[in-house]
Amino acid sequence: VNQDNTSSYHLFYADAVGTPGTDMTYFDIP
């Protein structure tokens, strides 16, 4: 979740192990 607004999801997309520098994230704001 968005730690500053926990009613919103926070999704993290990355490589196989979540290596720093591979990570695109999205806040879900319908």
PDB file of all heavy atoms in Angstrom:
ATOM      1  N   VAL A   1       0.847  -1.191   0.000  1.00  0.00           N
ATOM      2  CA  VAL A   1       0.000   0.000   0.000  1.00  0.00           C
ATOM      3  C   VAL A   1       0.882   1.239   0.000  1.00  0.00           C
ATOM      4  O   VAL A   1       2.045   1.204   0.406  1.00  0.00           O
ATOM      5  CB  VAL A   1      -0.949   0.042   1.225  1.00  0.00           C
ATOM      6  CG1 VAL A   1      -1.943  -1.099   1.163  1.00  0.00           C
ATOM      7  CG2 VAL A   1      -0.162   0.030   2.530  1.00  0.00           C
ATOM      8  N   ASN A   2       0.300   2.330  -0.449  1.00  0.00           N
ATOM      9  CA  ASN A   2       0.938   3.634  -0.332  1.00  0.00           C
ATOM     10  C   ASN A   2       1.039   3.948   1.164  1.00  0.00           C
ATOM     11  O   ASN A   2       0.023   4.108   1.837  1.00  0.00           O
ATOM     12  CB  ASN A   2       0.093   4.681  -1.063  1.00  0.00           C
ATOM     13  CG  ASN A   2       0.687   6.076  -0.985  1.00  0.00           C
ATOM     14  OD1 ASN A   2       1.603   6.345  -0.218  1.00  0.00           O
ATOM     15  ND2 ASN A   2       0.142   6.975  -1.785  1.00  0.00           N
ATOM     16  N   GLN A   3       2.231   4.007   1.685  1.00  0.00           N
ATOM     17  CA  GLN A   3       2.399   4.174   3.127  1.00  0.00           C
ATOM     18  C   GLN A   3       1.904   5.534   3.624  1.00  0.00           C
ATOM     19  O   GLN A   3       1.662   5.709   4.818  1.00  0.00           O
ATOM     20  CB  GLN A   3       3.856   3.955   3.518  1.00  0.00           C
ATOM     21  CG  GLN A   3       4.309   2.518   3.295  1.00  0.00           C
ATOM     22  CD  GLN A   3       5.765   2.278   3.640  1.00  0.00           C
ATOM     23  OE1 GLN A   3       6.418   3.113   4.275  1.00  0.00           O
ATOM     24  NE2 GLN A   3       6.288   1.141   3.226  1.00  0.00           N
ATOM     25  N   ASP A   4       1.744   6.485   2.717  1.00  0.00           N
ATOM     26  CA  ASP A   4       1.218   7.804   3.087  1.00  0.00           C
ATOM     27  C   ASP A   4      -0.291   7.905   2.899  1.00  0.00           C
ATOM     28  O   ASP A   4      -0.902   8.893   3.276  1.00  0.00           O
ATOM     29  CB  ASP A   4       1.920   8.892   2.265  1.00  0.00           C
ATOM     30  CG  ASP A   4       3.421   8.883   2.485  1.00  0.00           C
ATOM     31  OD1 ASP A   4       3.843   8.730   3.649  1.00  0.00           O
ATOM     32  OD2 ASP A   4       4.173   9.004   1.503  1.00  0.00           O
ATOM     33  N   ASN A   5      -0.881   6.882   2.263  1.00  0.00           N
ATOM     34  CA  ASN A   5      -2.331   6.823   2.069  1.00  0.00           C
ATOM     35  C   ASN A   5      -2.700   5.358   1.906  1.00  0.00           C
ATOM     36  O   ASN A   5      -2.772   4.847   0.792  1.00  0.00           O
ATOM     37  CB  ASN A   5      -2.761   7.634   0.843  1.00  0.00           C
ATOM     38  CG  ASN A   5      -4.248   7.533   0.574  1.00  0.00           C
ATOM     39  OD1 ASN A   5      -5.002   6.993   1.388  1.00  0.00           O
ATOM     40  ND2 ASN A   5      -4.684   8.036  -0.571  1.00  0.00           N
ATOM     41  N   THR A   6      -2.925   4.680   3.010  1.00  0.00           N
ATOM     42  CA  THR A   6      -3.025   3.222   2.999  1.00  0.00           C
ATOM     43  C   THR A   6      -4.294   2.680   2.353  1.00  0.00           C
ATOM     44  O   THR A   6      -4.460   1.462   2.250  1.00  0.00           O
ATOM     45  CB  THR A   6      -2.912   2.659   4.426  1.00  0.00           C
ATOM     46  OG1 THR A   6      -3.958   3.232   5.237  1.00  0.00           O
ATOM     47  CG2 THR A   6      -1.554   2.992   5.031  1.00  0.00           C
ATOM     48  N   SER A   7      -5.171   3.566   1.873  1.00  0.00           N
ATOM     49  CA  SER A   7      -6.340   3.090   1.130  1.00  0.00           C
ATOM     50  C   SER A   7      -6.014   2.872  -0.346  1.00  0.00           C
ATOM     51  O   SER A   7      -6.887   2.487  -1.128  1.00  0.00           O
ATOM     52  CB  SER A   7      -7.502   4.086   1.264  1.00  0.00           C
ATOM     53  OG  SER A   7      -7.165   5.333   0.679  1.00  0.00           O
ATOM     54  N   SER A   8      -4.758   3.106  -0.722  1.00  0.00           N
ATOM     55  CA  SER A   8      -4.320   2.962  -2.110  1.00  0.00           C
ATOM     56  C   SER A   8      -3.248   1.886  -2.202  1.00  0.00           C
ATOM     57  O   SER A   8      -2.328   1.827  -1.381  1.00  0.00           O
ATOM     58  CB  SER A   8      -3.756   4.299  -2.624  1.00  0.00           C
ATOM     59  OG  SER A   8      -3.138   4.154  -3.887  1.00  0.00           O
ATOM     60  N   TYR A   9      -3.361   1.008  -3.215  1.00  0.00           N
ATOM     61  CA  TYR A   9      -2.324   0.015  -3.454  1.00  0.00           C
ATOM     62  C   TYR A   9      -1.045   0.668  -3.973  1.00  0.00           C
ATOM     63  O   TYR A   9      -1.071   1.727  -4.606  1.00  0.00           O
ATOM     64  CB  TYR A   9      -2.784  -1.009  -4.491  1.00  0.00           C
ATOM     65  CG  TYR A   9      -3.818  -1.985  -3.999  1.00  0.00           C
ATOM     66  CD1 TYR A   9      -5.163  -1.817  -4.314  1.00  0.00           C
ATOM     67  CD2 TYR A   9      -3.456  -3.090  -3.234  1.00  0.00           C
ATOM     68  CE1 TYR A   9      -6.123  -2.717  -3.872  1.00  0.00           C
ATOM     69  CE2 TYR A   9      -4.403  -4.003  -2.791  1.00  0.00           C
ATOM     70  CZ  TYR A   9      -5.737  -3.807  -3.107  1.00  0.00           C
ATOM     71  OH  TYR A   9      -6.690  -4.689  -2.663  1.00  0.00           O
ATOM     72  N   HIS A  10       0.071  -0.002  -3.726  1.00  0.00           N
ATOM     73  CA  HIS A  10       1.353   0.361  -4.330  1.00  0.00           C
ATOM     74  C   HIS A  10       1.954  -0.916  -4.888  1.00  0.00           C
ATOM     75  O   HIS A  10       2.234  -1.858  -4.135  1.00  0.00           O
ATOM     76  CB  HIS A  10       2.274   0.991  -3.282  1.00  0.00           C
ATOM     77  CG  HIS A  10       3.464   1.683  -3.852  1.00  0.00           C
ATOM     78  ND1 HIS A  10       4.435   2.281  -3.074  1.00  0.00           N
ATOM     79  CD2 HIS A  10       3.853   1.892  -5.126  1.00  0.00           C
ATOM     80  CE1 HIS A  10       5.358   2.832  -3.838  1.00  0.00           C
ATOM     81  NE2 HIS A  10       5.034   2.601  -5.093  1.00  0.00           N
ATOM     82  N   LEU A  11       2.101  -0.978  -6.220  1.00  0.00           N
ATOM     83  CA  LEU A  11       2.576  -2.164  -6.918  1.00  0.00           C
ATOM     84  C   LEU A  11       3.987  -1.928  -7.441  1.00  0.00           C
ATOM     85  O   LEU A  11       4.272  -0.879  -8.021  1.00  0.00           O
ATOM     86  CB  LEU A  11       1.643  -2.505  -8.084  1.00  0.00           C
ATOM     87  CG  LEU A  11       0.160  -2.658  -7.728  1.00  0.00           C
ATOM     88  CD1 LEU A  11      -0.655  -2.920  -8.988  1.00  0.00           C
ATOM     89  CD2 LEU A  11      -0.054  -3.762  -6.700  1.00  0.00           C
ATOM     90  N   PHE A  12       4.854  -2.932  -7.247  1.00  0.00           N
ATOM     91  CA  PHE A  12       6.265  -2.816  -7.621  1.00  0.00           C
ATOM     92  C   PHE A  12       6.598  -3.885  -8.662  1.00  0.00           C
ATOM     93  O   PHE A  12       6.462  -5.084  -8.384  1.00  0.00           O
ATOM     94  CB  PHE A  12       7.161  -3.030  -6.395  1.00  0.00           C
ATOM     95  CG  PHE A  12       7.004  -2.010  -5.300  1.00  0.00           C
ATOM     96  CD1 PHE A  12       5.890  -2.014  -4.466  1.00  0.00           C
ATOM     97  CD2 PHE A  12       7.990  -1.052  -5.085  1.00  0.00           C
ATOM     98  CE1 PHE A  12       5.768  -1.089  -3.442  1.00  0.00           C
ATOM     99  CE2 PHE A  12       7.871  -0.121  -4.059  1.00  0.00           C
ATOM    100  CZ  PHE A  12       6.759  -0.127  -3.236  1.00  0.00           C
ATOM    101  N   TYR A  13       7.068  -3.469  -9.836  1.00  0.00           N
ATOM    102  CA  TYR A  13       7.467  -4.388 -10.900  1.00  0.00           C
ATOM    103  C   TYR A  13       8.977  -4.284 -11.104  1.00  0.00           C
ATOM    104  O   TYR A  13       9.530  -3.183 -11.175  1.00  0.00           O
ATOM    105  CB  TYR A  13       6.758  -4.050 -12.209  1.00  0.00           C
ATOM    106  CG  TYR A  13       5.252  -3.962 -12.085  1.00  0.00           C
ATOM    107  CD1 TYR A  13       4.606  -2.733 -12.002  1.00  0.00           C
ATOM    108  CD2 TYR A  13       4.460  -5.116 -12.057  1.00  0.00           C
ATOM    109  CE1 TYR A  13       3.225  -2.638 -11.891  1.00  0.00           C
ATOM    110  CE2 TYR A  13       3.081  -5.037 -11.948  1.00  0.00           C
ATOM    111  CZ  TYR A  13       2.470  -3.792 -11.862  1.00  0.00           C
ATOM    112  OH  TYR A  13       1.096  -3.713 -11.751  1.00  0.00           O
ATOM    113  N   ALA A  14       9.645  -5.426 -11.241  1.00  0.00           N
ATOM    114  CA  ALA A  14      11.102  -5.392 -11.307  1.00  0.00           C
ATOM    115  C   ALA A  14      11.621  -6.632 -12.030  1.00  0.00           C
ATOM    116  O   ALA A  14      10.874  -7.319 -12.733  1.00  0.00           O
ATOM    117  CB  ALA A  14      11.684  -5.281  -9.895  1.00  0.00           C
ATOM    118  N   ASP A  15      12.918  -6.894 -11.848  1.00  0.00           N
ATOM    119  CA  ASP A  15      13.505  -8.097 -12.414  1.00  0.00           C
ATOM    120  C   ASP A  15      13.150  -9.296 -11.527  1.00  0.00           C
ATOM    121  O   ASP A  15      12.275  -9.201 -10.655  1.00  0.00           O
ATOM    122  CB  ASP A  15      15.015  -7.923 -12.599  1.00  0.00           C
ATOM    123  CG  ASP A  15      15.792  -7.897 -11.269  1.00  0.00           C
ATOM    124  OD1 ASP A  15      15.143  -7.837 -10.195  1.00  0.00           O
ATOM    125  OD2 ASP A  15      17.036  -7.928 -11.298  1.00  0.00           O
ATOM    126  N   ALA A  16      13.847 -10.406 -11.694  1.00  0.00           N
ATOM    127  CA  ALA A  16      13.475 -11.636 -10.994  1.00  0.00           C
ATOM    128  C   ALA A  16      13.603 -11.537  -9.481  1.00  0.00           C
ATOM    129  O   ALA A  16      12.899 -12.238  -8.751  1.00  0.00           O
ATOM    130  CB  ALA A  16      14.332 -12.799 -11.513  1.00  0.00           C
ATOM    131  N   VAL A  17      14.495 -10.668  -8.989  1.00  0.00           N
ATOM    132  CA  VAL A  17      14.750 -10.620  -7.540  1.00  0.00           C
ATOM    133  C   VAL A  17      14.547  -9.227  -6.949  1.00  0.00           C
ATOM    134  O   VAL A  17      14.885  -9.001  -5.781  1.00  0.00           O
ATOM    135  CB  VAL A  17      16.184 -11.128  -7.222  1.00  0.00           C
ATOM    136  CG1 VAL A  17      16.327 -12.584  -7.648  1.00  0.00           C
ATOM    137  CG2 VAL A  17      17.236 -10.257  -7.883  1.00  0.00           C
ATOM    138  N   GLY A  18      14.022  -8.292  -7.733  1.00  0.00           N
ATOM    139  CA  GLY A  18      13.803  -6.945  -7.215  1.00  0.00           C
ATOM    140  C   GLY A  18      15.081  -6.155  -7.036  1.00  0.00           C
ATOM    141  O   GLY A  18      15.211  -5.355  -6.098  1.00  0.00           O
ATOM    142  N   THR A  19      16.036  -6.322  -7.930  1.00  0.00           N
ATOM    143  CA  THR A  19      17.305  -5.606  -7.856  1.00  0.00           C
ATOM    144  C   THR A  19      17.087  -4.098  -7.902  1.00  0.00           C
ATOM    145  O   THR A  19      16.333  -3.612  -8.756  1.00  0.00           O
ATOM    146  CB  THR A  19      18.212  -6.015  -9.032  1.00  0.00           C
ATOM    147  OG1 THR A  19      18.372  -7.435  -9.039  1.00  0.00           O
ATOM    148  CG2 THR A  19      19.574  -5.339  -8.947  1.00  0.00           C
ATOM    149  N   PRO A  20      17.725  -3.324  -7.019  1.00  0.00           N
ATOM    150  CA  PRO A  20      17.622  -1.868  -7.126  1.00  0.00           C
ATOM    151  C   PRO A  20      18.039  -1.395  -8.524  1.00  0.00           C
ATOM    152  O   PRO A  20      19.038  -1.861  -9.080  1.00  0.00           O
ATOM    153  CB  PRO A  20      18.606  -1.368  -6.063  1.00  0.00           C
ATOM    154  CG  PRO A  20      18.674  -2.467  -5.065  1.00  0.00           C
ATOM    155  CD  PRO A  20      18.551  -3.741  -5.873  1.00  0.00           C
ATOM    156  N   GLY A  21      17.252  -0.504  -9.097  1.00  0.00           N
ATOM    157  CA  GLY A  21      17.530  -0.034 -10.451  1.00  0.00           C
ATOM    158  C   GLY A  21      16.733  -0.752 -11.520  1.00  0.00           C
ATOM    159  O   GLY A  21      16.866  -0.453 -12.711  1.00  0.00           O
ATOM    160  N   THR A  22      15.884  -1.714 -11.112  1.00  0.00           N
ATOM    161  CA  THR A  22      15.050  -2.425 -12.092  1.00  0.00           C
ATOM    162  C   THR A  22      13.569  -2.185 -11.843  1.00  0.00           C
ATOM    163  O   THR A  22      12.723  -2.777 -12.517  1.00  0.00           O
ATOM    164  CB  THR A  22      15.308  -3.945 -12.044  1.00  0.00           C
ATOM    165  OG1 THR A  22      14.798  -4.486 -10.816  1.00  0.00           O
ATOM    166  CG2 THR A  22      16.788  -4.259 -12.155  1.00  0.00           C
ATOM    167  N   ASP A  23      13.231  -1.300 -10.923  1.00  0.00           N
ATOM    168  CA  ASP A  23      11.916  -1.264 -10.294  1.00  0.00           C
ATOM    169  C   ASP A  23      11.054  -0.086 -10.754  1.00  0.00           C
ATOM    170  O   ASP A  23      11.384   1.069 -10.490  1.00  0.00           O
ATOM    171  CB  ASP A  23      12.150  -1.196  -8.776  1.00  0.00           C
ATOM    172  CG  ASP A  23      10.891  -1.280  -7.970  1.00  0.00           C
ATOM    173  OD1 ASP A  23       9.869  -1.689  -8.521  1.00  0.00           O
ATOM    174  OD2 ASP A  23      10.948  -0.934  -6.774  1.00  0.00           O
ATOM    175  N   MET A  24       9.950  -0.392 -11.427  1.00  0.00           N
ATOM    176  CA  MET A  24       8.929   0.604 -11.791  1.00  0.00           C
ATOM    177  C   MET A  24       7.736   0.375 -10.874  1.00  0.00           C
ATOM    178  O   MET A  24       7.231  -0.748 -10.774  1.00  0.00           O
ATOM    179  CB  MET A  24       8.508   0.437 -13.252  1.00  0.00           C
ATOM    180  CG  MET A  24       7.529   1.484 -13.755  1.00  0.00           C
ATOM    181  SD  MET A  24       8.361   3.026 -14.177  1.00  0.00           S
ATOM    182  CE  MET A  24       6.961   4.057 -14.663  1.00  0.00           C
ATOM    183  N   THR A  25       7.283   1.406 -10.189  1.00  0.00           N
ATOM    184  CA  THR A  25       6.192   1.230  -9.237  1.00  0.00           C
ATOM    185  C   THR A  25       5.003   2.099  -9.619  1.00  0.00           C
ATOM    186  O   THR A  25       5.163   3.138 -10.255  1.00  0.00           O
ATOM    187  CB  THR A  25       6.638   1.561  -7.795  1.00  0.00           C
ATOM    188  OG1 THR A  25       6.350   2.922  -7.473  1.00  0.00           O
ATOM    189  CG2 THR A  25       8.106   1.300  -7.596  1.00  0.00           C
ATOM    190  N   TYR A  26       3.810   1.656  -9.188  1.00  0.00           N
ATOM    191  CA  TYR A  26       2.576   2.400  -9.477  1.00  0.00           C
ATOM    192  C   TYR A  26       1.705   2.514  -8.236  1.00  0.00           C
ATOM    193  O   TYR A  26       1.465   1.525  -7.541  1.00  0.00           O
ATOM    194  CB  TYR A  26       1.779   1.721 -10.600  1.00  0.00           C
ATOM    195  CG  TYR A  26       2.269   2.113 -11.978  1.00  0.00           C
ATOM    196  CD1 TYR A  26       3.335   1.453 -12.571  1.00  0.00           C
ATOM    197  CD2 TYR A  26       1.675   3.167 -12.673  1.00  0.00           C
ATOM    198  CE1 TYR A  26       3.806   1.825 -13.824  1.00  0.00           C
ATOM    199  CE2 TYR A  26       2.122   3.547 -13.934  1.00  0.00           C
ATOM    200  CZ  TYR A  26       3.195   2.874 -14.492  1.00  0.00           C
ATOM    201  OH  TYR A  26       3.656   3.265 -15.734  1.00  0.00           O
ATOM    202  N   PHE A  27       1.238   3.735  -7.990  1.00  0.00           N
ATOM    203  CA  PHE A  27       0.189   3.985  -7.018  1.00  0.00           C
ATOM    204  C   PHE A  27      -1.151   3.838  -7.723  1.00  0.00           C
ATOM    205  O   PHE A  27      -1.360   4.423  -8.794  1.00  0.00           O
ATOM    206  CB  PHE A  27       0.293   5.403  -6.443  1.00  0.00           C
ATOM    207  CG  PHE A  27       1.588   5.692  -5.738  1.00  0.00           C
ATOM    208  CD1 PHE A  27       2.505   6.579  -6.278  1.00  0.00           C
ATOM    209  CD2 PHE A  27       1.894   5.083  -4.530  1.00  0.00           C
ATOM    210  CE1 PHE A  27       3.689   6.869  -5.632  1.00  0.00           C
ATOM    211  CE2 PHE A  27       3.086   5.363  -3.868  1.00  0.00           C
ATOM    212  CZ  PHE A  27       3.988   6.254  -4.422  1.00  0.00           C
ATOM    213  N   ASP A  28      -2.058   3.079  -7.138  1.00  0.00           N
ATOM    214  CA  ASP A  28      -3.376   2.863  -7.732  1.00  0.00           C
ATOM    215  C   ASP A  28      -4.342   3.937  -7.222  1.00  0.00           C
ATOM    216  O   ASP A  28      -4.709   3.950  -6.050  1.00  0.00           O
ATOM    217  CB  ASP A  28      -3.881   1.469  -7.352  1.00  0.00           C
ATOM    218  CG  ASP A  28      -5.277   1.196  -7.893  1.00  0.00           C
ATOM    219  OD1 ASP A  28      -5.534   1.566  -9.051  1.00  0.00           O
ATOM    220  OD2 ASP A  28      -6.095   0.629  -7.156  1.00  0.00           O
ATOM    221  N   ILE A  29      -4.725   4.847  -8.117  1.00  0.00           N
ATOM    222  CA  ILE A  29      -5.659   5.928  -7.786  1.00  0.00           C
ATOM    223  C   ILE A  29      -6.798   5.861  -8.806  1.00  0.00           C
ATOM    224  O   ILE A  29      -6.715   6.456  -9.891  1.00  0.00           O
ATOM    225  CB  ILE A  29      -4.969   7.301  -7.812  1.00  0.00           C
ATOM    226  CG1 ILE A  29      -3.746   7.290  -6.882  1.00  0.00           C
ATOM    227  CG2 ILE A  29      -5.944   8.401  -7.400  1.00  0.00           C
ATOM    228  CD1 ILE A  29      -2.936   8.565  -6.907  1.00  0.00           C
ATOM    229  N   PRO A  30      -7.865   5.090  -8.520  1.00  0.00           N
ATOM    230  CA  PRO A  30      -8.892   4.795  -9.527  1.00  0.00           C
ATOM    231  C   PRO A  30      -9.543   6.022 -10.167  1.00  0.00           C
ATOM    232  O   PRO A  30      -9.965   5.958 -11.321  1.00  0.00           O
ATOM    233  CB  PRO A  30      -9.907   3.955  -8.748  1.00  0.00           C
ATOM    234  CG  PRO A  30      -9.106   3.311  -7.667  1.00  0.00           C
ATOM    235  CD  PRO A  30      -8.087   4.328  -7.269  1.00  0.00           C
TER     236      PRO A  30
END
